[in-house]
Amino acid sequence: MAATQLAASCRFAAASSTQSRAGRRTHAAFVTAPAQRLASVSSISAASSLAPAAAVRAPRCRAAAAVSVRSEITYVMIKPDGVQRGLVGEIISRFEKKGFKLVQLKMMKVTKEVAEEHYKDLKDKPFFPDLIGYILSGPVVGMVWEGQGVVKAARKIIGATNPLEAEPGTIRGDLAVQTGRNVVHGSDSPENGERETALWFSGHGIVEWEAHMKPWLVE
């Protein structure tokens, strides 16, 4: 009888101990689970709060990359007739108003060697001697302009070779009347822009400077 009661007491104690341990595990899980859920929610919230900022920053990064793209340069020369007629300021202002950056400028008297090298593609033309004589007839103003698409844009600003065919609003359309006195020259390709700059500003290069208006001109 006593042995039976002792065995029953042991089984009851063991069962109570098991229930107690299970209760502690349940309580621990109950206490821990909210903390884990809170951590998960915090992580999601943190990720969500970062996403809009990243979305806002991305376009600015792309814009900065676009602005840093290497610009073209073009050589623009105000010919002797443009200088004699006092058109230097007028011509410079047209490129400045367009938003291009002036990176080199010089008034000079041209040597025959430089003039012939500059116009070497026209060497076989019957008007070549007169062209060289025209360029040597007085001082010129050589300039280098920098900007995205500056070569093509400068050609549009300058206008057709024959002023009578140049559109109103262009330099030649507004300020010139004859091909032989068409006021200004502009490079016809990016490659010639580089070549002519090297020819006319040999040993000088271009002046590197940052135009603060650049972000307002290009994305």
N, C-alpha and C. Protein backbone atom coordinates (compact mmCIF):
# COMPACT_ATOMS: atom_id res chain seq x y z
N MET A 1 0.83 -1.20 0.00
CA MET A 1 0.00 0.00 0.00
C MET A 1 0.87 1.25 0.00
N ALA A 2 1.82 1.32 0.89
CA ALA A 2 2.74 2.47 0.99
C ALA A 2 3.55 2.60 -0.28
N ALA A 3 3.98 1.42 -0.82
CA ALA A 3 4.79 1.44 -2.05
C ALA A 3 3.98 1.99 -3.20
N THR A 4 2.69 1.58 -3.24
CA THR A 4 1.82 2.06 -4.33
C THR A 4 1.63 3.56 -4.25
N GLN A 5 1.41 4.06 -3.02
CA GLN A 5 1.22 5.52 -2.84
C GLN A 5 2.49 6.29 -3.20
N LEU A 6 3.67 5.71 -2.86
CA LEU A 6 4.94 6.37 -3.16
C LEU A 6 5.15 6.47 -4.67
N ALA A 7 4.82 5.39 -5.40
CA ALA A 7 4.97 5.39 -6.86
C ALA A 7 4.06 6.43 -7.49
N ALA A 8 2.83 6.51 -6.98
CA ALA A 8 1.88 7.48 -7.52
C ALA A 8 2.36 8.90 -7.28
N SER A 9 2.93 9.12 -6.09
CA SER A 9 3.45 10.46 -5.77
C SER A 9 4.59 10.84 -6.70
N CYS A 10 5.47 9.86 -7.01
CA CYS A 10 6.60 10.13 -7.91
C CYS A 10 6.11 10.49 -9.31
N ARG A 11 5.08 9.69 -9.79
CA ARG A 11 4.55 9.99 -11.12
C ARG A 11 3.92 11.38 -11.16
N PHE A 12 3.24 11.79 -10.12
CA PHE A 12 2.61 13.10 -10.05
C PHE A 12 3.65 14.21 -10.06
N ALA A 13 4.74 13.96 -9.28
CA ALA A 13 5.81 14.97 -9.22
C ALA A 13 6.49 15.13 -10.57
N ALA A 14 6.71 13.97 -11.25
CA ALA A 14 7.36 14.02 -12.57
C ALA A 14 6.48 14.77 -13.56
N ALA A 15 5.18 14.47 -13.51
CA ALA A 15 4.24 15.13 -14.42
C ALA A 15 4.20 16.62 -14.15
N SER A 16 4.21 16.99 -12.86
CA SER A 16 4.19 18.42 -12.50
C SER A 16 5.43 19.12 -12.99
N SER A 17 6.57 18.39 -12.86
CA SER A 17 7.84 18.99 -13.32
C SER A 17 7.83 19.22 -14.82
N THR A 18 7.28 18.19 -15.56
CA THR A 18 7.20 18.31 -17.03
C THR A 18 6.32 19.47 -17.42
N GLN A 19 5.16 19.58 -16.76
CA GLN A 19 4.24 20.68 -17.05
C GLN A 19 4.88 22.03 -16.74
N SER A 20 5.66 22.06 -15.68
CA SER A 20 6.32 23.32 -15.29
C SER A 20 7.33 23.75 -16.34
N ARG A 21 8.13 22.72 -16.82
CA ARG A 21 9.12 23.06 -17.85
C ARG A 21 8.43 23.50 -19.14
N ALA A 22 7.34 22.82 -19.50
CA ALA A 22 6.59 23.19 -20.71
C ALA A 22 6.02 24.58 -20.58
N GLY A 23 5.55 24.88 -19.37
CA GLY A 23 4.99 26.21 -19.13
C GLY A 23 6.04 27.29 -19.28
N ARG A 24 7.26 26.97 -18.75
CA ARG A 24 8.34 27.96 -18.87
C ARG A 24 8.70 28.18 -20.34
N ARG A 25 8.75 27.05 -21.14
CA ARG A 25 9.07 27.20 -22.56
C ARG A 25 8.00 28.02 -23.28
N THR A 26 6.74 27.76 -22.94
CA THR A 26 5.64 28.51 -23.57
C THR A 26 5.73 29.98 -23.22
N HIS A 27 6.04 30.26 -21.96
CA HIS A 27 6.15 31.65 -21.52
C HIS A 27 7.31 32.34 -22.22
N ALA A 28 8.43 31.58 -22.33
CA ALA A 28 9.61 32.16 -22.99
C ALA A 28 9.30 32.46 -24.45
N ALA A 29 8.60 31.50 -25.10
CA ALA A 29 8.25 31.70 -26.51
C ALA A 29 7.31 32.89 -26.64
N PHE A 30 6.38 33.02 -25.69
CA PHE A 30 5.42 34.12 -25.73
C PHE A 30 6.12 35.47 -25.56
N VAL A 31 7.14 35.47 -24.66
CA VAL A 31 7.88 36.71 -24.41
C VAL A 31 8.81 37.03 -25.58
N THR A 32 9.45 35.98 -26.13
CA THR A 32 10.45 36.19 -27.18
C THR A 32 9.81 36.55 -28.52
N ALA A 33 8.69 35.91 -28.85
CA ALA A 33 8.06 36.10 -30.16
C ALA A 33 7.76 37.56 -30.47
N PRO A 34 7.16 38.33 -29.54
CA PRO A 34 6.90 39.74 -29.86
C PRO A 34 8.18 40.49 -30.15
N ALA A 35 9.24 40.19 -29.41
CA ALA A 35 10.51 40.88 -29.65
C ALA A 35 11.04 40.58 -31.05
N GLN A 36 10.89 39.26 -31.43
CA GLN A 36 11.34 38.89 -32.77
C GLN A 36 10.48 39.58 -33.83
N ARG A 37 9.16 39.59 -33.58
CA ARG A 37 8.27 40.25 -34.53
C ARG A 37 8.58 41.74 -34.62
N LEU A 38 8.87 42.34 -33.47
CA LEU A 38 9.19 43.76 -33.44
C LEU A 38 10.46 44.05 -34.23
N ALA A 39 11.46 43.14 -34.08
CA ALA A 39 12.71 43.31 -34.83
C ALA A 39 12.46 43.20 -36.32
N SER A 40 11.58 42.24 -36.71
CA SER A 40 11.28 42.07 -38.13
C SER A 40 10.58 43.31 -38.67
N VAL A 41 9.61 43.81 -37.89
CA VAL A 41 8.88 45.00 -38.31
C VAL A 41 9.82 46.19 -38.42
N SER A 42 10.75 46.30 -37.45
CA SER A 42 11.71 47.41 -37.48
C SER A 42 12.58 47.34 -38.72
N SER A 43 13.00 46.08 -39.07
CA SER A 43 13.83 45.91 -40.26
C SER A 43 13.08 46.33 -41.51
N ILE A 44 11.81 45.90 -41.60
CA ILE A 44 10.99 46.26 -42.76
C ILE A 44 10.79 47.76 -42.83
N SER A 45 10.51 48.37 -41.64
CA SER A 45 10.30 49.81 -41.61
C SER A 45 11.54 50.56 -42.03
N ALA A 46 12.69 50.05 -41.53
CA ALA A 46 13.96 50.71 -41.89
C ALA A 46 14.19 50.63 -43.39
N ALA A 47 13.92 49.43 -43.97
CA ALA A 47 14.11 49.27 -45.41
C ALA A 47 13.16 50.17 -46.18
N SER A 48 11.91 50.27 -45.67
CA SER A 48 10.93 51.11 -46.35
C SER A 48 11.32 52.57 -46.29
N SER A 49 11.88 52.98 -45.13
CA SER A 49 12.26 54.38 -44.99
C SER A 49 13.45 54.73 -45.85
N LEU A 50 14.29 53.72 -46.17
CA LEU A 50 15.46 53.97 -47.01
C LEU A 50 15.08 54.01 -48.48
N ALA A 51 14.07 53.24 -48.87
CA ALA A 51 13.73 53.12 -50.29
C ALA A 51 13.41 54.46 -50.95
N PRO A 52 12.54 55.32 -50.34
CA PRO A 52 12.25 56.59 -51.01
C PRO A 52 13.49 57.45 -51.16
N ALA A 53 14.37 57.47 -50.14
CA ALA A 53 15.58 58.28 -50.22
C ALA A 53 16.45 57.82 -51.36
N ALA A 54 16.58 56.48 -51.51
CA ALA A 54 17.39 55.95 -52.60
C ALA A 54 16.77 56.33 -53.94
N ALA A 55 15.43 56.29 -53.99
CA ALA A 55 14.76 56.64 -55.24
C ALA A 55 14.98 58.10 -55.60
N VAL A 56 15.06 58.97 -54.56
CA VAL A 56 15.29 60.38 -54.81
C VAL A 56 16.73 60.64 -55.22
N ARG A 57 17.67 59.90 -54.57
CA ARG A 57 19.09 60.14 -54.85
C ARG A 57 19.48 59.65 -56.23
N ALA A 58 18.87 58.56 -56.71
CA ALA A 58 19.29 57.96 -57.97
C ALA A 58 19.27 58.94 -59.15
N PRO A 59 18.17 59.72 -59.34
CA PRO A 59 18.19 60.65 -60.47
C PRO A 59 19.30 61.68 -60.36
N ARG A 60 19.59 62.14 -59.11
CA ARG A 60 20.65 63.12 -58.95
C ARG A 60 21.98 62.53 -59.36
N CYS A 61 22.20 61.24 -59.02
CA CYS A 61 23.45 60.59 -59.41
C CYS A 61 23.54 60.48 -60.93
N ARG A 62 22.43 60.12 -61.57
CA ARG A 62 22.44 60.02 -63.02
C ARG A 62 22.68 61.37 -63.66
N ALA A 63 22.07 62.42 -63.06
CA ALA A 63 22.26 63.76 -63.61
C ALA A 63 23.71 64.19 -63.48
N ALA A 64 24.31 63.89 -62.32
CA ALA A 64 25.71 64.26 -62.12
C ALA A 64 26.60 63.56 -63.12
N ALA A 65 26.27 62.28 -63.39
CA ALA A 65 27.07 61.53 -64.37
C ALA A 65 26.93 62.14 -65.75
N ALA A 66 25.71 62.58 -66.10
CA ALA A 66 25.50 63.17 -67.42
C ALA A 66 26.26 64.47 -67.57
N VAL A 67 26.27 65.28 -66.48
CA VAL A 67 26.96 66.56 -66.54
C VAL A 67 28.44 66.38 -66.75
N SER A 68 28.99 65.27 -66.21
CA SER A 68 30.43 65.08 -66.27
C SER A 68 30.90 64.51 -67.61
N VAL A 69 29.97 64.26 -68.55
CA VAL A 69 30.36 63.75 -69.86
C VAL A 69 31.29 64.75 -70.55
N ARG A 70 32.33 64.23 -71.21
CA ARG A 70 33.32 65.09 -71.87
C ARG A 70 32.65 65.92 -72.96
N SER A 71 32.81 67.24 -72.88
CA SER A 71 32.23 68.14 -73.87
C SER A 71 33.13 68.24 -75.10
N GLU A 72 32.55 68.68 -76.20
CA GLU A 72 33.31 68.97 -77.40
C GLU A 72 33.92 70.36 -77.30
N ILE A 73 34.90 70.61 -78.15
CA ILE A 73 35.39 71.97 -78.33
C ILE A 73 35.32 72.32 -79.81
N THR A 74 35.14 73.60 -80.09
CA THR A 74 35.13 74.06 -81.47
C THR A 74 35.94 75.34 -81.58
N TYR A 75 36.59 75.51 -82.71
CA TYR A 75 37.36 76.73 -82.95
C TYR A 75 36.51 77.70 -83.76
N VAL A 76 36.37 78.90 -83.23
CA VAL A 76 35.61 79.96 -83.90
C VAL A 76 36.56 81.13 -84.13
N MET A 77 36.57 81.64 -85.34
CA MET A 77 37.46 82.75 -85.67
C MET A 77 36.66 83.91 -86.27
N ILE A 78 36.78 85.07 -85.66
CA ILE A 78 36.19 86.27 -86.23
C ILE A 78 37.20 86.81 -87.24
N LYS A 79 36.79 86.85 -88.48
CA LYS A 79 37.69 87.20 -89.58
C LYS A 79 37.96 88.71 -89.61
N PRO A 80 38.92 89.14 -90.43
CA PRO A 80 39.29 90.56 -90.44
C PRO A 80 38.13 91.53 -90.63
N ASP A 81 37.14 91.17 -91.48
CA ASP A 81 36.00 92.07 -91.69
C ASP A 81 35.16 92.19 -90.43
N GLY A 82 35.02 91.09 -89.68
CA GLY A 82 34.27 91.14 -88.43
C GLY A 82 34.95 92.02 -87.39
N VAL A 83 36.29 91.94 -87.34
CA VAL A 83 37.05 92.78 -86.41
C VAL A 83 36.93 94.25 -86.81
N GLN A 84 37.15 94.55 -88.10
CA GLN A 84 37.11 95.93 -88.59
C GLN A 84 35.72 96.56 -88.39
N ARG A 85 34.69 95.77 -88.45
CA ARG A 85 33.32 96.30 -88.31
C ARG A 85 32.86 96.37 -86.86
N GLY A 86 33.72 96.00 -85.93
CA GLY A 86 33.37 96.08 -84.51
C GLY A 86 32.34 95.06 -84.07
N LEU A 87 32.39 93.86 -84.64
CA LEU A 87 31.39 92.83 -84.33
C LEU A 87 31.87 91.79 -83.31
N VAL A 88 33.05 92.00 -82.75
CA VAL A 88 33.62 90.99 -81.84
C VAL A 88 32.69 90.72 -80.65
N GLY A 89 32.26 91.78 -79.98
CA GLY A 89 31.38 91.61 -78.82
C GLY A 89 30.06 90.97 -79.17
N GLU A 90 29.49 91.37 -80.29
CA GLU A 90 28.21 90.81 -80.76
C GLU A 90 28.32 89.31 -80.99
N ILE A 91 29.40 88.90 -81.64
CA ILE A 91 29.58 87.48 -81.96
C ILE A 91 29.83 86.67 -80.70
N ILE A 92 30.67 87.17 -79.81
CA ILE A 92 30.93 86.46 -78.55
C ILE A 92 29.64 86.29 -77.75
N SER A 93 28.83 87.33 -77.71
CA SER A 93 27.61 87.29 -76.90
C SER A 93 26.64 86.22 -77.39
N ARG A 94 26.64 85.94 -78.68
CA ARG A 94 25.72 84.92 -79.20
C ARG A 94 26.06 83.53 -78.67
N PHE A 95 27.34 83.26 -78.55
CA PHE A 95 27.75 81.96 -78.01
C PHE A 95 27.55 81.90 -76.49
N GLU A 96 27.80 83.01 -75.82
CA GLU A 96 27.58 83.05 -74.37
C GLU A 96 26.10 82.89 -74.05
N LYS A 97 25.25 83.55 -74.78
CA LYS A 97 23.81 83.45 -74.53
C LYS A 97 23.28 82.05 -74.77
N LYS A 98 23.92 81.35 -75.70
CA LYS A 98 23.53 79.96 -75.96
C LYS A 98 23.90 79.06 -74.78
N GLY A 99 24.90 79.47 -74.02
CA GLY A 99 25.30 78.69 -72.85
C GLY A 99 26.63 77.99 -73.00
N PHE A 100 27.38 78.27 -74.06
CA PHE A 100 28.68 77.62 -74.24
C PHE A 100 29.75 78.34 -73.43
N LYS A 101 30.81 77.62 -73.15
CA LYS A 101 31.88 78.13 -72.28
C LYS A 101 33.10 78.52 -73.10
N LEU A 102 33.56 79.75 -72.92
CA LEU A 102 34.76 80.24 -73.60
C LEU A 102 35.99 79.74 -72.84
N VAL A 103 36.86 79.00 -73.53
CA VAL A 103 38.03 78.42 -72.86
C VAL A 103 39.35 78.90 -73.46
N GLN A 104 39.29 79.72 -74.49
CA GLN A 104 40.51 80.32 -75.04
C GLN A 104 40.12 81.48 -75.95
N LEU A 105 40.94 82.54 -75.94
CA LEU A 105 40.63 83.74 -76.73
C LEU A 105 41.93 84.48 -77.03
N LYS A 106 42.09 84.90 -78.28
CA LYS A 106 43.31 85.64 -78.63
C LYS A 106 43.08 86.45 -79.90
N MET A 107 43.51 87.72 -79.86
CA MET A 107 43.56 88.51 -81.09
C MET A 107 44.96 88.37 -81.67
N MET A 108 45.05 88.20 -82.98
CA MET A 108 46.36 87.93 -83.57
C MET A 108 46.39 88.32 -85.04
N LYS A 109 47.57 88.53 -85.53
CA LYS A 109 47.81 88.65 -86.97
C LYS A 109 48.26 87.28 -87.46
N VAL A 110 47.66 86.84 -88.52
CA VAL A 110 47.86 85.47 -89.00
C VAL A 110 49.08 85.41 -89.92
N THR A 111 49.88 84.37 -89.76
CA THR A 111 50.98 84.12 -90.70
C THR A 111 50.45 83.34 -91.89
N LYS A 112 51.13 83.45 -93.00
CA LYS A 112 50.72 82.75 -94.21
C LYS A 112 50.74 81.24 -94.00
N GLU A 113 51.73 80.75 -93.26
CA GLU A 113 51.86 79.31 -93.02
C GLU A 113 50.65 78.77 -92.26
N VAL A 114 50.24 79.49 -91.23
CA VAL A 114 49.08 79.04 -90.44
C VAL A 114 47.81 79.13 -91.26
N ALA A 115 47.65 80.20 -92.01
CA ALA A 115 46.45 80.35 -92.84
C ALA A 115 46.34 79.23 -93.87
N GLU A 116 47.45 78.92 -94.52
CA GLU A 116 47.43 77.85 -95.53
C GLU A 116 47.19 76.48 -94.90
N GLU A 117 47.72 76.26 -93.72
CA GLU A 117 47.47 74.99 -93.03
C GLU A 117 46.00 74.89 -92.62
N HIS A 118 45.46 75.98 -92.15
CA HIS A 118 44.06 75.99 -91.72
C HIS A 118 43.12 75.67 -92.88
N TYR A 119 43.39 76.26 -94.02
CA TYR A 119 42.51 76.09 -95.19
C TYR A 119 43.07 75.10 -96.21
N LYS A 120 43.87 74.16 -95.77
CA LYS A 120 44.54 73.25 -96.70
C LYS A 120 43.57 72.41 -97.53
N ASP A 121 42.38 72.15 -97.01
CA ASP A 121 41.39 71.37 -97.76
C ASP A 121 40.89 72.13 -98.99
N LEU A 122 41.11 73.43 -99.03
CA LEU A 122 40.65 74.26 -100.15
C LEU A 122 41.80 74.65 -101.08
N LYS A 123 42.93 74.02 -100.89
CA LYS A 123 44.15 74.43 -101.61
C LYS A 123 44.00 74.38 -103.12
N ASP A 124 43.21 73.46 -103.63
CA ASP A 124 43.06 73.30 -105.08
C ASP A 124 41.93 74.16 -105.66
N LYS A 125 41.26 74.92 -104.81
CA LYS A 125 40.17 75.77 -105.30
C LYS A 125 40.74 77.03 -105.95
N PRO A 126 40.09 77.53 -106.99
CA PRO A 126 40.60 78.73 -107.68
C PRO A 126 40.62 79.98 -106.80
N PHE A 127 39.77 80.00 -105.78
CA PHE A 127 39.71 81.18 -104.91
C PHE A 127 40.69 81.12 -103.74
N PHE A 128 41.49 80.06 -103.67
CA PHE A 128 42.38 79.87 -102.52
C PHE A 128 43.33 81.06 -102.28
N PRO A 129 44.01 81.58 -103.30
CA PRO A 129 44.90 82.73 -103.06
C PRO A 129 44.17 83.94 -102.49
N ASP A 130 42.97 84.22 -103.01
CA ASP A 130 42.20 85.36 -102.50
C ASP A 130 41.76 85.12 -101.06
N LEU A 131 41.41 83.87 -100.74
CA LEU A 131 41.02 83.53 -99.38
C LEU A 131 42.17 83.78 -98.41
N ILE A 132 43.36 83.33 -98.77
CA ILE A 132 44.52 83.54 -97.90
C ILE A 132 44.82 85.03 -97.76
N GLY A 133 44.74 85.76 -98.87
CA GLY A 133 44.96 87.21 -98.81
C GLY A 133 43.95 87.90 -97.89
N TYR A 134 42.72 87.45 -97.94
CA TYR A 134 41.66 87.99 -97.08
C TYR A 134 41.97 87.76 -95.60
N ILE A 135 42.37 86.55 -95.25
CA ILE A 135 42.66 86.22 -93.85
C ILE A 135 43.90 86.98 -93.35
N LEU A 136 44.82 87.28 -94.26
CA LEU A 136 46.04 88.01 -93.87
C LEU A 136 45.85 89.53 -93.86
N SER A 137 44.69 90.00 -94.28
CA SER A 137 44.48 91.44 -94.47
C SER A 137 44.35 92.23 -93.18
N GLY A 138 44.16 91.57 -92.07
CA GLY A 138 44.01 92.27 -90.80
C GLY A 138 43.97 91.28 -89.65
N PRO A 139 43.91 91.80 -88.42
CA PRO A 139 43.88 90.89 -87.27
C PRO A 139 42.59 90.08 -87.23
N VAL A 140 42.69 88.91 -86.63
CA VAL A 140 41.52 88.05 -86.39
C VAL A 140 41.42 87.81 -84.89
N VAL A 141 40.27 87.36 -84.47
CA VAL A 141 40.07 86.95 -83.07
C VAL A 141 39.75 85.46 -83.07
N GLY A 142 40.67 84.68 -82.52
CA GLY A 142 40.46 83.24 -82.42
C GLY A 142 39.90 82.88 -81.06
N MET A 143 38.96 81.96 -81.05
CA MET A 143 38.30 81.54 -79.81
C MET A 143 38.10 80.03 -79.81
N VAL A 144 38.07 79.47 -78.63
CA VAL A 144 37.69 78.07 -78.47
C VAL A 144 36.51 78.03 -77.51
N TRP A 145 35.44 77.39 -77.95
CA TRP A 145 34.24 77.25 -77.14
C TRP A 145 34.04 75.79 -76.79
N GLU A 146 33.54 75.55 -75.60
CA GLU A 146 33.33 74.19 -75.11
C GLU A 146 31.88 73.98 -74.72
N GLY A 147 31.38 72.78 -74.96
CA GLY A 147 30.02 72.45 -74.56
C GLY A 147 29.55 71.18 -75.25
N GLN A 148 28.49 70.61 -74.76
CA GLN A 148 27.94 69.41 -75.38
C GLN A 148 27.28 69.78 -76.71
N GLY A 149 27.74 69.13 -77.77
CA GLY A 149 27.20 69.40 -79.10
C GLY A 149 27.57 70.77 -79.64
N VAL A 150 28.66 71.35 -79.13
CA VAL A 150 29.00 72.73 -79.49
C VAL A 150 29.35 72.88 -80.96
N VAL A 151 29.95 71.86 -81.59
CA VAL A 151 30.35 71.99 -82.99
C VAL A 151 29.13 72.20 -83.89
N LYS A 152 28.16 71.33 -83.76
CA LYS A 152 26.95 71.44 -84.59
C LYS A 152 26.17 72.71 -84.26
N ALA A 153 26.07 73.01 -82.97
CA ALA A 153 25.32 74.20 -82.56
C ALA A 153 25.99 75.48 -83.06
N ALA A 154 27.32 75.52 -83.00
CA ALA A 154 28.04 76.71 -83.47
C ALA A 154 27.81 76.93 -84.96
N ARG A 155 27.77 75.85 -85.72
CA ARG A 155 27.52 75.99 -87.16
C ARG A 155 26.13 76.59 -87.42
N LYS A 156 25.17 76.20 -86.59
CA LYS A 156 23.82 76.76 -86.74
C LYS A 156 23.80 78.23 -86.34
N ILE A 157 24.51 78.57 -85.28
CA ILE A 157 24.58 79.97 -84.84
C ILE A 157 25.23 80.83 -85.92
N ILE A 158 26.27 80.30 -86.56
CA ILE A 158 27.01 81.04 -87.59
C ILE A 158 26.19 81.18 -88.87
N GLY A 159 25.55 80.11 -89.31
CA GLY A 159 24.74 80.16 -90.53
C GLY A 159 25.48 79.66 -91.76
N ALA A 160 24.77 79.60 -92.88
CA ALA A 160 25.31 79.07 -94.13
C ALA A 160 26.50 79.89 -94.61
N THR A 161 27.40 79.23 -95.37
CA THR A 161 28.60 79.90 -95.88
C THR A 161 28.25 81.14 -96.69
N ASN A 162 27.25 81.02 -97.53
CA ASN A 162 26.77 82.18 -98.31
C ASN A 162 25.77 82.95 -97.45
N PRO A 163 26.11 84.16 -97.03
CA PRO A 163 25.21 84.92 -96.16
C PRO A 163 23.82 85.13 -96.74
N LEU A 164 23.71 85.17 -98.08
CA LEU A 164 22.40 85.36 -98.70
C LEU A 164 21.51 84.14 -98.53
N GLU A 165 22.11 83.01 -98.20
CA GLU A 165 21.35 81.78 -97.97
C GLU A 165 21.21 81.47 -96.48
N ALA A 166 21.86 82.26 -95.66
CA ALA A 166 21.82 82.02 -94.21
C ALA A 166 20.49 82.49 -93.63
N GLU A 167 20.00 81.75 -92.65
CA GLU A 167 18.73 82.07 -92.02
C GLU A 167 18.83 83.35 -91.20
N PRO A 168 17.76 84.15 -91.17
CA PRO A 168 17.73 85.29 -90.25
C PRO A 168 17.90 84.80 -88.81
N GLY A 169 18.62 85.54 -88.02
CA GLY A 169 18.90 85.12 -86.65
C GLY A 169 20.27 84.50 -86.51
N THR A 170 20.86 84.05 -87.62
CA THR A 170 22.24 83.56 -87.58
C THR A 170 23.20 84.74 -87.74
N ILE A 171 24.47 84.53 -87.39
CA ILE A 171 25.45 85.61 -87.50
C ILE A 171 25.58 86.09 -88.94
N ARG A 172 25.77 85.16 -89.85
CA ARG A 172 25.92 85.54 -91.25
C ARG A 172 24.62 86.07 -91.85
N GLY A 173 23.51 85.48 -91.44
CA GLY A 173 22.22 85.94 -91.94
C GLY A 173 21.92 87.37 -91.52
N ASP A 174 22.39 87.75 -90.34
CA ASP A 174 22.12 89.09 -89.81
C ASP A 174 23.21 90.11 -90.15
N LEU A 175 24.46 89.64 -90.27
CA LEU A 175 25.58 90.59 -90.29
C LEU A 175 26.44 90.56 -91.54
N ALA A 176 26.16 89.70 -92.49
CA ALA A 176 27.01 89.60 -93.68
C ALA A 176 26.16 89.54 -94.95
N VAL A 177 26.79 89.88 -96.09
CA VAL A 177 26.06 89.88 -97.36
C VAL A 177 26.78 89.14 -98.47
N GLN A 178 28.05 88.79 -98.27
CA GLN A 178 28.82 88.17 -99.35
C GLN A 178 29.69 87.04 -98.80
N THR A 179 29.82 85.96 -99.57
CA THR A 179 30.61 84.81 -99.14
C THR A 179 32.06 85.20 -98.86
N GLY A 180 32.60 86.08 -99.67
CA GLY A 180 33.99 86.50 -99.49
C GLY A 180 34.23 87.37 -98.28
N ARG A 181 33.16 87.80 -97.62
CA ARG A 181 33.26 88.60 -96.40
C ARG A 181 32.17 88.11 -95.43
N ASN A 182 32.31 86.85 -95.04
CA ASN A 182 31.23 86.25 -94.23
C ASN A 182 31.52 86.22 -92.73
N VAL A 183 32.44 87.07 -92.30
CA VAL A 183 32.59 87.50 -90.90
C VAL A 183 33.25 86.49 -89.97
N VAL A 184 32.87 85.22 -90.05
CA VAL A 184 33.28 84.29 -89.00
C VAL A 184 33.47 82.87 -89.54
N HIS A 185 34.35 82.14 -88.89
CA HIS A 185 34.60 80.73 -89.21
C HIS A 185 34.25 79.88 -88.00
N GLY A 186 33.77 78.65 -88.26
CA GLY A 186 33.53 77.68 -87.19
C GLY A 186 33.91 76.29 -87.64
N SER A 187 34.51 75.50 -86.78
CA SER A 187 34.91 74.13 -87.12
C SER A 187 33.71 73.33 -87.62
N ASP A 188 33.96 72.45 -88.60
CA ASP A 188 32.84 71.68 -89.18
C ASP A 188 32.71 70.26 -88.62
N SER A 189 33.58 69.89 -87.69
CA SER A 189 33.49 68.56 -87.06
C SER A 189 34.25 68.60 -85.74
N PRO A 190 33.93 67.68 -84.82
CA PRO A 190 34.68 67.62 -83.56
C PRO A 190 36.17 67.40 -83.78
N GLU A 191 36.50 66.59 -84.79
CA GLU A 191 37.92 66.32 -85.09
C GLU A 191 38.63 67.60 -85.54
N ASN A 192 37.97 68.37 -86.40
CA ASN A 192 38.57 69.62 -86.85
C ASN A 192 38.60 70.66 -85.73
N GLY A 193 37.64 70.57 -84.82
CA GLY A 193 37.68 71.45 -83.65
C GLY A 193 38.96 71.24 -82.85
N GLU A 194 39.32 69.98 -82.65
CA GLU A 194 40.56 69.65 -81.94
C GLU A 194 41.78 70.07 -82.76
N ARG A 195 41.76 69.77 -84.06
CA ARG A 195 42.91 70.08 -84.92
C ARG A 195 43.15 71.59 -85.02
N GLU A 196 42.08 72.34 -85.23
CA GLU A 196 42.23 73.79 -85.39
C GLU A 196 42.63 74.46 -84.08
N THR A 197 42.13 73.95 -82.97
CA THR A 197 42.55 74.48 -81.67
C THR A 197 44.04 74.28 -81.47
N ALA A 198 44.52 73.08 -81.80
CA ALA A 198 45.95 72.79 -81.67
C ALA A 198 46.78 73.68 -82.60
N LEU A 199 46.24 73.99 -83.79
CA LEU A 199 46.97 74.82 -84.75
C LEU A 199 47.05 76.28 -84.29
N TRP A 200 45.93 76.84 -83.91
CA TRP A 200 45.87 78.26 -83.59
C TRP A 200 46.35 78.59 -82.18
N PHE A 201 46.28 77.62 -81.29
CA PHE A 201 46.72 77.85 -79.91
C PHE A 201 47.83 76.89 -79.54
N SER A 202 48.72 76.66 -80.47
CA SER A 202 49.85 75.75 -80.23
C SER A 202 50.66 76.21 -79.02
N GLY A 203 50.85 75.29 -78.08
CA GLY A 203 51.63 75.60 -76.89
C GLY A 203 50.83 76.27 -75.79
N HIS A 204 49.56 76.57 -76.04
CA HIS A 204 48.74 77.26 -75.04
C HIS A 204 47.67 76.34 -74.44
N GLY A 205 47.06 75.52 -75.29
CA GLY A 205 45.98 74.67 -74.80
C GLY A 205 44.75 75.50 -74.45
N ILE A 206 43.85 74.91 -73.69
CA ILE A 206 42.64 75.61 -73.28
C ILE A 206 42.67 75.85 -71.78
N VAL A 207 41.90 76.82 -71.34
CA VAL A 207 41.82 77.16 -69.92
C VAL A 207 40.74 76.30 -69.28
N GLU A 208 41.13 75.50 -68.30
CA GLU A 208 40.17 74.64 -67.60
C GLU A 208 39.51 75.44 -66.47
N TRP A 209 38.20 75.55 -66.51
CA TRP A 209 37.48 76.20 -65.42
C TRP A 209 36.05 75.66 -65.37
N GLU A 210 35.44 75.75 -64.21
CA GLU A 210 34.12 75.17 -64.02
C GLU A 210 33.05 76.25 -64.13
N ALA A 211 32.14 76.07 -65.06
CA ALA A 211 31.03 77.01 -65.22
C ALA A 211 29.90 76.59 -64.28
N HIS A 212 29.53 77.45 -63.35
CA HIS A 212 28.51 77.09 -62.37
C HIS A 212 27.11 77.00 -62.97
N MET A 213 26.94 77.53 -64.18
CA MET A 213 25.63 77.44 -64.82
C MET A 213 25.40 76.09 -65.48
N LYS A 214 26.44 75.24 -65.55
CA LYS A 214 26.34 73.99 -66.30
C LYS A 214 25.16 73.11 -65.87
N PRO A 215 24.92 72.91 -64.56
CA PRO A 215 23.77 72.07 -64.17
C PRO A 215 22.43 72.64 -64.60
N TRP A 216 22.41 73.94 -64.92
CA TRP A 216 21.16 74.56 -65.36
C TRP A 216 20.98 74.47 -66.88
N LEU A 217 22.00 73.97 -67.56
CA LEU A 217 21.94 73.84 -69.02
C LEU A 217 21.71 72.42 -69.48
N VAL A 218 22.33 71.45 -68.78
CA VAL A 218 22.23 70.05 -69.17
C VAL A 218 21.90 69.20 -67.96
N GLU A 219 21.18 68.11 -68.18
CA GLU A 219 20.83 67.20 -67.09
C GLU A 219 22.01 66.32 -66.74
